[in-house]
Amino acid sequence: MKVTPEDAVSLLSKYAEERTPVLAILGTPSVSVARVVGTITVSIVGGVPCLLIGKEESESDQIKFWLSDCEFAYGDFRDEESAAHKFEGFLVVGSKKGDTLSLFEMKR
């Protein structure tokens, strides 16, 4: 289900405030893939929201993703038993440059 940028930033801010662990998978048009598990930090730089996902104490295991010119979709795993025991829901962020960031909200 598509969501507005405002709703997506609100959800991401909630994840950041509650220190919700997420599995983040970043895919690029060149077929590069990065995967990180950690928490989200949201900051606004020049009026553009930026996400930093990963462990705060580890600079090497982090993904940084700018939320300018992006489309957002949210879903859950109600119909997927195999994933439902690990994850609550997911947010997919697609940039106009072709990068895709998938965030999976992990169950605690």
PDB file of N, CA and C in Angstrom:
ATOM      1  N   MET A   1       0.843  -1.165   0.000  1.00  0.00           N
ATOM      2  CA  MET A   1       0.000   0.000   0.000  1.00  0.00           C
ATOM      3  C   MET A   1       0.893   1.235   0.000  1.00  0.00           C
ATOM      4  N   LYS A   2       0.664   2.144  -0.936  1.00  0.00           N
ATOM      5  CA  LYS A   2       1.449   3.380  -0.993  1.00  0.00           C
ATOM      6  C   LYS A   2       1.107   4.253   0.210  1.00  0.00           C
ATOM      7  N   VAL A   3       2.124   4.945   0.719  1.00  0.00           N
ATOM      8  CA  VAL A   3       1.917   5.892   1.804  1.00  0.00           C
ATOM      9  C   VAL A   3       2.552   7.220   1.418  1.00  0.00           C
ATOM     10  N   THR A   4       2.079   8.298   2.033  1.00  0.00           N
ATOM     11  CA  THR A   4       2.611   9.627   1.739  1.00  0.00           C
ATOM     12  C   THR A   4       3.991   9.783   2.375  1.00  0.00           C
ATOM     13  N   PRO A   5       4.793  10.686   1.862  1.00  0.00           N
ATOM     14  CA  PRO A   5       6.090  10.945   2.493  1.00  0.00           C
ATOM     15  C   PRO A   5       5.945  11.361   3.960  1.00  0.00           C
ATOM     16  N   GLU A   6       4.921  12.137   4.269  1.00  0.00           N
ATOM     17  CA  GLU A   6       4.699  12.573   5.653  1.00  0.00           C
ATOM     18  C   GLU A   6       4.405  11.383   6.563  1.00  0.00           C
ATOM     19  N   ASP A   7       3.565  10.451   6.087  1.00  0.00           N
ATOM     20  CA  ASP A   7       3.253   9.261   6.886  1.00  0.00           C
ATOM     21  C   ASP A   7       4.495   8.377   7.051  1.00  0.00           C
ATOM     22  N   ALA A   8       5.298   8.273   5.989  1.00  0.00           N
ATOM     23  CA  ALA A   8       6.517   7.461   6.064  1.00  0.00           C
ATOM     24  C   ALA A   8       7.507   8.055   7.061  1.00  0.00           C
ATOM     25  N   VAL A   9       7.699   9.375   7.027  1.00  0.00           N
ATOM     26  CA  VAL A   9       8.621  10.025   7.970  1.00  0.00           C
ATOM     27  C   VAL A   9       8.090   9.900   9.388  1.00  0.00           C
ATOM     28  N   SER A  10       6.778   9.969   9.561  1.00  0.00           N
ATOM     29  CA  SER A  10       6.180   9.780  10.890  1.00  0.00           C
ATOM     30  C   SER A  10       6.462   8.374  11.416  1.00  0.00           C
ATOM     31  N   LEU A  11       6.289   7.367  10.570  1.00  0.00           N
ATOM     32  CA  LEU A  11       6.576   5.981  10.967  1.00  0.00           C
ATOM     33  C   LEU A  11       8.064   5.811  11.289  1.00  0.00           C
ATOM     34  N   LEU A  12       8.929   6.366  10.453  1.00  0.00           N
ATOM     35  CA  LEU A  12      10.366   6.263  10.681  1.00  0.00           C
ATOM     36  C   LEU A  12      10.778   6.969  11.972  1.00  0.00           C
ATOM     37  N   SER A  13      10.149   8.115  12.253  1.00  0.00           N
ATOM     38  CA  SER A  13      10.430   8.834  13.499  1.00  0.00           C
ATOM     39  C   SER A  13       9.988   8.011  14.701  1.00  0.00           C
ATOM     40  N   LYS A  14       8.852   7.310  14.561  1.00  0.00           N
ATOM     41  CA  LYS A  14       8.375   6.432  15.637  1.00  0.00           C
ATOM     42  C   LYS A  14       9.379   5.305  15.876  1.00  0.00           C
ATOM     43  N   TYR A  15       9.856   4.685  14.798  1.00  0.00           N
ATOM     44  CA  TYR A  15      10.883   3.640  14.931  1.00  0.00           C
ATOM     45  C   TYR A  15      12.110   4.192  15.659  1.00  0.00           C
ATOM     46  N   ALA A  16      12.520   5.411  15.289  1.00  0.00           N
ATOM     47  CA  ALA A  16      13.709   6.017  15.900  1.00  0.00           C
ATOM     48  C   ALA A  16      13.482   6.296  17.388  1.00  0.00           C
ATOM     49  N   GLU A  17      12.328   6.888  17.727  1.00  0.00           N
ATOM     50  CA  GLU A  17      12.023   7.214  19.120  1.00  0.00           C
ATOM     51  C   GLU A  17      11.944   5.968  19.994  1.00  0.00           C
ATOM     52  N   GLU A  18      11.327   4.919  19.471  1.00  0.00           N
ATOM     53  CA  GLU A  18      11.138   3.682  20.246  1.00  0.00           C
ATOM     54  C   GLU A  18      12.333   2.738  20.130  1.00  0.00           C
ATOM     55  N   ARG A  19      13.348   3.145  19.354  1.00  0.00           N
ATOM     56  CA  ARG A  19      14.553   2.328  19.159  1.00  0.00           C
ATOM     57  C   ARG A  19      14.188   0.937  18.628  1.00  0.00           C
ATOM     58  N   THR A  20      13.234   0.908  17.712  1.00  0.00           N
ATOM     59  CA  THR A  20      12.767  -0.339  17.107  1.00  0.00           C
ATOM     60  C   THR A  20      13.863  -0.929  16.220  1.00  0.00           C
ATOM     61  N   PRO A  21      14.255  -2.176  16.453  1.00  0.00           N
ATOM     62  CA  PRO A  21      15.254  -2.781  15.577  1.00  0.00           C
ATOM     63  C   PRO A  21      14.644  -3.102  14.208  1.00  0.00           C
ATOM     64  N   VAL A  22      15.424  -2.850  13.171  1.00  0.00           N
ATOM     65  CA  VAL A  22      14.982  -3.142  11.808  1.00  0.00           C
ATOM     66  C   VAL A  22      16.075  -3.890  11.058  1.00  0.00           C
ATOM     67  N   LEU A  23      15.646  -4.644  10.084  1.00  0.00           N
ATOM     68  CA  LEU A  23      16.549  -5.227   9.098  1.00  0.00           C
ATOM     69  C   LEU A  23      16.434  -4.311   7.886  1.00  0.00           C
ATOM     70  N   ALA A  24      17.536  -3.689   7.469  1.00  0.00           N
ATOM     71  CA  ALA A  24      17.548  -2.790   6.320  1.00  0.00           C
ATOM     72  C   ALA A  24      18.306  -3.447   5.184  1.00  0.00           C
ATOM     73  N   ILE A  25      17.688  -3.451   4.004  1.00  0.00           N
ATOM     74  CA  ILE A  25      18.335  -3.998   2.817  1.00  0.00           C
ATOM     75  C   ILE A  25      18.292  -2.917   1.743  1.00  0.00           C
ATOM     76  N   LEU A  26      19.473  -2.522   1.293  1.00  0.00           N
ATOM     77  CA  LEU A  26      19.599  -1.488   0.268  1.00  0.00           C
ATOM     78  C   LEU A  26      20.038  -2.135  -1.037  1.00  0.00           C
ATOM     79  N   GLY A  27      19.265  -1.882  -2.084  1.00  0.00           N
ATOM     80  CA  GLY A  27      19.617  -2.367  -3.416  1.00  0.00           C
ATOM     81  C   GLY A  27      19.810  -1.186  -4.349  1.00  0.00           C
ATOM     82  N   THR A  28      20.793  -1.289  -5.239  1.00  0.00           N
ATOM     83  CA  THR A  28      21.079  -0.209  -6.177  1.00  0.00           C
ATOM     84  C   THR A  28      20.860  -0.689  -7.610  1.00  0.00           C
ATOM     85  N   PRO A  29      20.752   0.253  -8.563  1.00  0.00           N
ATOM     86  CA  PRO A  29      20.587  -0.142  -9.972  1.00  0.00           C
ATOM     87  C   PRO A  29      21.740  -0.997 -10.497  1.00  0.00           C
ATOM     88  N   SER A  30      22.931  -0.859  -9.903  1.00  0.00           N
ATOM     89  CA  SER A  30      24.072  -1.666 -10.349  1.00  0.00           C
ATOM     90  C   SER A  30      24.077  -3.050  -9.699  1.00  0.00           C
ATOM     91  N   VAL A  31      22.986  -3.393  -9.027  1.00  0.00           N
ATOM     92  CA  VAL A  31      22.758  -4.679  -8.394  1.00  0.00           C
ATOM     93  C   VAL A  31      23.661  -4.887  -7.168  1.00  0.00           C
ATOM     94  N   SER A  32      24.136  -3.819  -6.586  1.00  0.00           N
ATOM     95  CA  SER A  32      24.839  -3.914  -5.306  1.00  0.00           C
ATOM     96  C   SER A  32      23.796  -4.026  -4.207  1.00  0.00           C
ATOM     97  N   VAL A  33      24.102  -4.807  -3.183  1.00  0.00           N
ATOM     98  CA  VAL A  33      23.171  -4.998  -2.078  1.00  0.00           C
ATOM     99  C   VAL A  33      23.929  -4.865  -0.766  1.00  0.00           C
ATOM    100  N   ALA A  34      23.328  -4.133   0.171  1.00  0.00           N
ATOM    101  CA  ALA A  34      23.883  -4.019   1.523  1.00  0.00           C
ATOM    102  C   ALA A  34      22.788  -4.394   2.497  1.00  0.00           C
ATOM    103  N   ARG A  35      23.184  -5.039   3.582  1.00  0.00           N
ATOM    104  CA  ARG A  35      22.226  -5.501   4.588  1.00  0.00           C
ATOM    105  C   ARG A  35      22.767  -5.143   5.966  1.00  0.00           C
ATOM    106  N   VAL A  36      21.905  -4.519   6.805  1.00  0.00           N
ATOM    107  CA  VAL A  36      22.304  -4.094   8.139  1.00  0.00           C
ATOM    108  C   VAL A  36      21.131  -4.318   9.089  1.00  0.00           C
ATOM    109  N   VAL A  37      21.435  -4.745  10.301  1.00  0.00           N
ATOM    110  CA  VAL A  37      20.428  -4.829  11.366  1.00  0.00           C
ATOM    111  C   VAL A  37      20.798  -3.792  12.414  1.00  0.00           C
ATOM    112  N   GLY A  38      19.826  -3.003  12.830  1.00  0.00           N
ATOM    113  CA  GLY A  38      20.089  -1.992  13.858  1.00  0.00           C
ATOM    114  C   GLY A  38      18.898  -1.086  14.038  1.00  0.00           C
ATOM    115  N   THR A  39      19.149   0.066  14.621  1.00  0.00           N
ATOM    116  CA  THR A  39      18.091   1.040  14.848  1.00  0.00           C
ATOM    117  C   THR A  39      18.237   2.187  13.856  1.00  0.00           C
ATOM    118  N   ILE A  40      17.198   3.021  13.796  1.00  0.00           N
ATOM    119  CA  ILE A  40      17.145   4.129  12.845  1.00  0.00           C
ATOM    120  C   ILE A  40      17.368   5.446  13.573  1.00  0.00           C
ATOM    121  N   THR A  41      18.120   6.324  12.933  1.00  0.00           N
ATOM    122  CA  THR A  41      18.228   7.712  13.357  1.00  0.00           C
ATOM    123  C   THR A  41      17.736   8.552  12.189  1.00  0.00           C
ATOM    124  N   VAL A  42      16.829   9.499  12.465  1.00  0.00           N
ATOM    125  CA  VAL A  42      16.311  10.381  11.426  1.00  0.00           C
ATOM    126  C   VAL A  42      16.824  11.785  11.707  1.00  0.00           C
ATOM    127  N   SER A  43      17.410  12.403  10.690  1.00  0.00           N
ATOM    128  CA  SER A  43      17.834  13.793  10.835  1.00  0.00           C
ATOM    129  C   SER A  43      17.366  14.568   9.602  1.00  0.00           C
ATOM    130  N   ILE A  44      17.257  15.876   9.762  1.00  0.00           N
ATOM    131  CA  ILE A  44      16.861  16.740   8.658  1.00  0.00           C
ATOM    132  C   ILE A  44      18.072  17.597   8.306  1.00  0.00           C
ATOM    133  N   VAL A  45      18.532  17.491   7.070  1.00  0.00           N
ATOM    134  CA  VAL A  45      19.684  18.258   6.613  1.00  0.00           C
ATOM    135  C   VAL A  45      19.246  19.062   5.387  1.00  0.00           C
ATOM    136  N   GLY A  46      19.267  20.371   5.503  1.00  0.00           N
ATOM    137  CA  GLY A  46      18.835  21.216   4.389  1.00  0.00           C
ATOM    138  C   GLY A  46      17.391  20.996   4.010  1.00  0.00           C
ATOM    139  N   GLY A  47      16.558  20.655   4.983  1.00  0.00           N
ATOM    140  CA  GLY A  47      15.143  20.419   4.733  1.00  0.00           C
ATOM    141  C   GLY A  47      14.817  19.042   4.199  1.00  0.00           C
ATOM    142  N   VAL A  48      15.832  18.186   4.039  1.00  0.00           N
ATOM    143  CA  VAL A  48      15.617  16.836   3.498  1.00  0.00           C
ATOM    144  C   VAL A  48      15.878  15.805   4.598  1.00  0.00           C
ATOM    145  N   PRO A  49      14.911  14.921   4.864  1.00  0.00           N
ATOM    146  CA  PRO A  49      15.134  13.872   5.863  1.00  0.00           C
ATOM    147  C   PRO A  49      16.198  12.878   5.391  1.00  0.00           C
ATOM    148  N   CYS A  50      17.022  12.451   6.331  1.00  0.00           N
ATOM    149  CA  CYS A  50      18.066  11.476   6.062  1.00  0.00           C
ATOM    150  C   CYS A  50      17.987  10.376   7.114  1.00  0.00           C
ATOM    151  N   LEU A  51      18.097   9.137   6.670  1.00  0.00           N
ATOM    152  CA  LEU A  51      18.081   7.997   7.584  1.00  0.00           C
ATOM    153  C   LEU A  51      19.489   7.464   7.764  1.00  0.00           C
ATOM    154  N   LEU A  52      19.790   7.072   8.992  1.00  0.00           N
ATOM    155  CA  LEU A  52      21.012   6.348   9.294  1.00  0.00           C
ATOM    156  C   LEU A  52      20.557   5.088  10.005  1.00  0.00           C
ATOM    157  N   ILE A  53      20.862   3.941   9.430  1.00  0.00           N
ATOM    158  CA  ILE A  53      20.415   2.667   9.989  1.00  0.00           C
ATOM    159  C   ILE A  53      21.636   1.855  10.370  1.00  0.00           C
ATOM    160  N   GLY A  54      21.629   1.309  11.582  1.00  0.00           N
ATOM    161  CA  GLY A  54      22.717   0.448  12.017  1.00  0.00           C
ATOM    162  C   GLY A  54      23.025   0.649  13.484  1.00  0.00           C
ATOM    163  N   LYS A  55      24.119   0.078  13.885  1.00  0.00           N
ATOM    164  CA  LYS A  55      24.550   0.193  15.268  1.00  0.00           C
ATOM    165  C   LYS A  55      25.280   1.518  15.435  1.00  0.00           C
ATOM    166  N   GLU A  56      24.886   2.286  16.442  1.00  0.00           N
ATOM    167  CA  GLU A  56      25.451   3.618  16.637  1.00  0.00           C
ATOM    168  C   GLU A  56      26.953   3.586  16.885  1.00  0.00           C
ATOM    169  N   GLU A  57      27.433   2.588  17.590  1.00  0.00           N
ATOM    170  CA  GLU A  57      28.851   2.546  17.934  1.00  0.00           C
ATOM    171  C   GLU A  57      29.725   2.026  16.797  1.00  0.00           C
ATOM    172  N   SER A  58      29.102   1.577  15.709  1.00  0.00           N
ATOM    173  CA  SER A  58      29.866   0.990  14.610  1.00  0.00           C
ATOM    174  C   SER A  58      29.666   1.812  13.345  1.00  0.00           C
ATOM    175  N   GLU A  59      30.687   2.528  12.928  1.00  0.00           N
ATOM    176  CA  GLU A  59      30.565   3.340  11.723  1.00  0.00           C
ATOM    177  C   GLU A  59      30.601   2.499  10.444  1.00  0.00           C
ATOM    178  N   SER A  60      31.152   1.302  10.495  1.00  0.00           N
ATOM    179  CA  SER A  60      31.295   0.513   9.279  1.00  0.00           C
ATOM    180  C   SER A  60      30.016  -0.232   8.892  1.00  0.00           C
ATOM    181  N   ASP A  61      29.178  -0.548   9.836  1.00  0.00           N
ATOM    182  CA  ASP A  61      27.964  -1.314   9.552  1.00  0.00           C
ATOM    183  C   ASP A  61      26.733  -0.415   9.599  1.00  0.00           C
ATOM    184  N   GLN A  62      26.686   0.571   8.703  1.00  0.00           N
ATOM    185  CA  GLN A  62      25.573   1.502   8.659  1.00  0.00           C
ATOM    186  C   GLN A  62      25.177   1.776   7.210  1.00  0.00           C
ATOM    187  N   ILE A  63      23.898   2.105   7.042  1.00  0.00           N
ATOM    188  CA  ILE A  63      23.378   2.553   5.753  1.00  0.00           C
ATOM    189  C   ILE A  63      22.858   3.961   5.952  1.00  0.00           C
ATOM    190  N   LYS A  64      23.238   4.864   5.042  1.00  0.00           N
ATOM    191  CA  LYS A  64      22.735   6.238   5.058  1.00  0.00           C
ATOM    192  C   LYS A  64      21.887   6.411   3.803  1.00  0.00           C
ATOM    193  N   PHE A  65      20.662   6.936   3.972  1.00  0.00           N
ATOM    194  CA  PHE A  65      19.737   7.023   2.841  1.00  0.00           C
ATOM    195  C   PHE A  65      18.975   8.343   2.908  1.00  0.00           C
ATOM    196  N   TRP A  66      19.061   9.129   1.837  1.00  0.00           N
ATOM    197  CA  TRP A  66      18.357  10.410   1.748  1.00  0.00           C
ATOM    198  C   TRP A  66      16.940  10.170   1.236  1.00  0.00           C
ATOM    199  N   LEU A  67      15.967  10.844   1.847  1.00  0.00           N
ATOM    200  CA  LEU A  67      14.561  10.627   1.499  1.00  0.00           C
ATOM    201  C   LEU A  67      14.010  11.688   0.547  1.00  0.00           C
ATOM    202  N   SER A  68      14.855  12.245  -0.322  1.00  0.00           N
ATOM    203  CA  SER A  68      14.361  13.218  -1.296  1.00  0.00           C
ATOM    204  C   SER A  68      13.919  12.479  -2.558  1.00  0.00           C
ATOM    205  N   ASP A  69      12.835  12.944  -3.149  1.00  0.00           N
ATOM    206  CA  ASP A  69      12.304  12.353  -4.385  1.00  0.00           C
ATOM    207  C   ASP A  69      12.091  10.848  -4.265  1.00  0.00           C
ATOM    208  N   CYS A  70      11.413  10.435  -3.198  1.00  0.00           N
ATOM    209  CA  CYS A  70      11.181   9.004  -2.963  1.00  0.00           C
ATOM    210  C   CYS A  70       9.696   8.673  -2.964  1.00  0.00           C
ATOM    211  N   GLU A  71       9.407   7.422  -3.235  1.00  0.00           N
ATOM    212  CA  GLU A  71       8.056   6.873  -3.093  1.00  0.00           C
ATOM    213  C   GLU A  71       8.105   5.832  -1.999  1.00  0.00           C
ATOM    214  N   PHE A  72       6.991   5.680  -1.278  1.00  0.00           N
ATOM    215  CA  PHE A  72       6.955   4.826  -0.104  1.00  0.00           C
ATOM    216  C   PHE A  72       5.787   3.842  -0.193  1.00  0.00           C
ATOM    217  N   ALA A  73       6.038   2.632   0.279  1.00  0.00           N
ATOM    218  CA  ALA A  73       4.978   1.617   0.366  1.00  0.00           C
ATOM    219  C   ALA A  73       5.155   0.883   1.688  1.00  0.00           C
ATOM    220  N   TYR A  74       4.023   0.570   2.341  1.00  0.00           N
ATOM    221  CA  TYR A  74       4.045  -0.133   3.618  1.00  0.00           C
ATOM    222  C   TYR A  74       3.214  -1.403   3.503  1.00  0.00           C
ATOM    223  N   GLY A  75       3.631  -2.433   4.212  1.00  0.00           N
ATOM    224  CA  GLY A  75       2.864  -3.676   4.238  1.00  0.00           C
ATOM    225  C   GLY A  75       3.149  -4.438   5.518  1.00  0.00           C
ATOM    226  N   ASP A  76       2.417  -5.529   5.695  1.00  0.00           N
ATOM    227  CA  ASP A  76       2.657  -6.386   6.859  1.00  0.00           C
ATOM    228  C   ASP A  76       2.649  -7.838   6.423  1.00  0.00           C
ATOM    229  N   PHE A  77       2.828  -8.723   7.377  1.00  0.00           N
ATOM    230  CA  PHE A  77       2.990 -10.145   7.064  1.00  0.00           C
ATOM    231  C   PHE A  77       1.831 -10.990   7.589  1.00  0.00           C
ATOM    232  N   ARG A  78       0.643 -10.439   7.629  1.00  0.00           N
ATOM    233  CA  ARG A  78      -0.513 -11.191   8.140  1.00  0.00           C
ATOM    234  C   ARG A  78      -0.744 -12.487   7.383  1.00  0.00           C
ATOM    235  N   ASP A  79      -0.487 -12.465   6.083  1.00  0.00           N
ATOM    236  CA  ASP A  79      -0.746 -13.648   5.248  1.00  0.00           C
ATOM    237  C   ASP A  79       0.495 -14.496   4.998  1.00  0.00           C
ATOM    238  N   GLU A  80       1.596 -14.141   5.593  1.00  0.00           N
ATOM    239  CA  GLU A  80       2.860 -14.847   5.386  1.00  0.00           C
ATOM    240  C   GLU A  80       3.339 -15.452   6.700  1.00  0.00           C
ATOM    241  N   GLU A  81       2.989 -16.666   6.976  1.00  0.00           N
ATOM    242  CA  GLU A  81       3.357 -17.298   8.236  1.00  0.00           C
ATOM    243  C   GLU A  81       4.864 -17.394   8.438  1.00  0.00           C
ATOM    244  N   SER A  82       5.610 -17.628   7.358  1.00  0.00           N
ATOM    245  CA  SER A  82       7.056 -17.810   7.498  1.00  0.00           C
ATOM    246  C   SER A  82       7.748 -16.545   7.983  1.00  0.00           C
ATOM    247  N   ALA A  83       7.256 -15.371   7.595  1.00  0.00           N
ATOM    248  CA  ALA A  83       7.879 -14.109   8.012  1.00  0.00           C
ATOM    249  C   ALA A  83       7.181 -13.493   9.222  1.00  0.00           C
ATOM    250  N   ALA A  84       5.939 -13.871   9.477  1.00  0.00           N
ATOM    251  CA  ALA A  84       5.151 -13.236  10.539  1.00  0.00           C
ATOM    252  C   ALA A  84       5.749 -13.429  11.926  1.00  0.00           C
ATOM    253  N   HIS A  85       6.471 -14.515  12.149  1.00  0.00           N
ATOM    254  CA  HIS A  85       7.047 -14.732  13.475  1.00  0.00           C
ATOM    255  C   HIS A  85       8.327 -13.921  13.690  1.00  0.00           C
ATOM    256  N   LYS A  86       8.909 -13.337  12.612  1.00  0.00           N
ATOM    257  CA  LYS A  86      10.130 -12.544  12.718  1.00  0.00           C
ATOM    258  C   LYS A  86       9.886 -11.046  12.603  1.00  0.00           C
ATOM    259  N   PHE A  87       8.904 -10.660  11.766  1.00  0.00           N
ATOM    260  CA  PHE A  87       8.711  -9.254  11.431  1.00  0.00           C
ATOM    261  C   PHE A  87       7.265  -8.814  11.634  1.00  0.00           C
ATOM    262  N   GLU A  88       7.112  -7.534  12.032  1.00  0.00           N
ATOM    263  CA  GLU A  88       5.785  -6.930  12.175  1.00  0.00           C
ATOM    264  C   GLU A  88       5.287  -6.435  10.823  1.00  0.00           C
ATOM    265  N   GLY A  89       6.109  -5.632  10.159  1.00  0.00           N
ATOM    266  CA  GLY A  89       5.732  -5.034   8.896  1.00  0.00           C
ATOM    267  C   GLY A  89       6.969  -4.568   8.165  1.00  0.00           C
ATOM    268  N   PHE A  90       6.755  -3.921   7.023  1.00  0.00           N
ATOM    269  CA  PHE A  90       7.893  -3.447   6.241  1.00  0.00           C
ATOM    270  C   PHE A  90       7.539  -2.149   5.538  1.00  0.00           C
ATOM    271  N   LEU A  91       8.565  -1.338   5.325  1.00  0.00           N
ATOM    272  CA  LEU A  91       8.444  -0.097   4.586  1.00  0.00           C
ATOM    273  C   LEU A  91       9.469  -0.156   3.463  1.00  0.00           C
ATOM    274  N   VAL A  92       9.014   0.073   2.232  1.00  0.00           N
ATOM    275  CA  VAL A  92       9.907   0.079   1.078  1.00  0.00           C
ATOM    276  C   VAL A  92       9.995   1.514   0.570  1.00  0.00           C
ATOM    277  N   VAL A  93      11.231   1.988   0.408  1.00  0.00           N
ATOM    278  CA  VAL A  93      11.488   3.343  -0.051  1.00  0.00           C
ATOM    279  C   VAL A  93      12.218   3.251  -1.382  1.00  0.00           C
ATOM    280  N   GLY A  94      11.622   3.817  -2.408  1.00  0.00           N
ATOM    281  CA  GLY A  94      12.251   3.818  -3.728  1.00  0.00           C
ATOM    282  C   GLY A  94      12.629   5.226  -4.134  1.00  0.00           C
ATOM    283  N   SER A  95      13.890   5.422  -4.483  1.00  0.00           N
ATOM    284  CA  SER A  95      14.333   6.754  -4.909  1.00  0.00           C
ATOM    285  C   SER A  95      14.228   6.870  -6.424  1.00  0.00           C
ATOM    286  N   LYS A  96      14.163   8.094  -6.903  1.00  0.00           N
ATOM    287  CA  LYS A  96      14.099   8.343  -8.352  1.00  0.00           C
ATOM    288  C   LYS A  96      15.392   7.896  -9.045  1.00  0.00           C
ATOM    289  N   LYS A  97      16.489   7.774  -8.280  1.00  0.00           N
ATOM    290  CA  LYS A  97      17.767   7.327  -8.833  1.00  0.00           C
ATOM    291  C   LYS A  97      17.790   5.814  -9.050  1.00  0.00           C
ATOM    292  N   GLY A  98      16.777   5.109  -8.520  1.00  0.00           N
ATOM    293  CA  GLY A  98      16.712   3.663  -8.688  1.00  0.00           C
ATOM    294  C   GLY A  98      17.129   2.860  -7.472  1.00  0.00           C
ATOM    295  N   ASP A  99      17.584   3.533  -6.413  1.00  0.00           N
ATOM    296  CA  ASP A  99      17.927   2.824  -5.179  1.00  0.00           C
ATOM    297  C   ASP A  99      16.648   2.410  -4.454  1.00  0.00           C
ATOM    298  N   THR A 100      16.674   1.249  -3.814  1.00  0.00           N
ATOM    299  CA  THR A 100      15.531   0.769  -3.055  1.00  0.00           C
ATOM    300  C   THR A 100      16.002   0.378  -1.659  1.00  0.00           C
ATOM    301  N   LEU A 101      15.363   0.953  -0.650  1.00  0.00           N
ATOM    302  CA  LEU A 101      15.652   0.621   0.738  1.00  0.00           C
ATOM    303  C   LEU A 101      14.426  -0.083   1.315  1.00  0.00           C
ATOM    304  N   SER A 102      14.613  -1.307   1.770  1.00  0.00           N
ATOM    305  CA  SER A 102      13.535  -2.069   2.397  1.00  0.00           C
ATOM    306  C   SER A 102      13.843  -2.175   3.888  1.00  0.00           C
ATOM    307  N   LEU A 103      12.907  -1.741   4.711  1.00  0.00           N
ATOM    308  CA  LEU A 103      13.065  -1.792   6.168  1.00  0.00           C
ATOM    309  C   LEU A 103      12.043  -2.756   6.734  1.00  0.00           C
ATOM    310  N   PHE A 104      12.517  -3.779   7.439  1.00  0.00           N
ATOM    311  CA  PHE A 104      11.656  -4.788   8.034  1.00  0.00           C
ATOM    312  C   PHE A 104      11.658  -4.579   9.540  1.00  0.00           C
ATOM    313  N   GLU A 105      10.483  -4.265  10.117  1.00  0.00           N
ATOM    314  CA  GLU A 105      10.354  -4.044  11.554  1.00  0.00           C
ATOM    315  C   GLU A 105      10.407  -5.400  12.264  1.00  0.00           C
ATOM    316  N   MET A 106      11.440  -5.596  13.070  1.00  0.00           N
ATOM    317  CA  MET A 106      11.643  -6.877  13.735  1.00  0.00           C
ATOM    318  C   MET A 106      10.777  -6.966  14.990  1.00  0.00           C
ATOM    319  N   LYS A 107      10.265  -8.167  15.248  1.00  0.00           N
ATOM    320  CA  LYS A 107       9.513  -8.404  16.480  1.00  0.00           C
ATOM    321  C   LYS A 107      10.481  -8.444  17.636  1.00  0.00           C
ATOM    322  N   ARG A 108      10.034  -7.928  18.759  1.00  0.00           N
ATOM    323  CA  ARG A 108      10.904  -7.928  19.959  1.00  0.00           C
ATOM    324  C   ARG A 108      10.598  -9.083  20.842  1.00  0.00           C
TER     325      ARG A 108
END
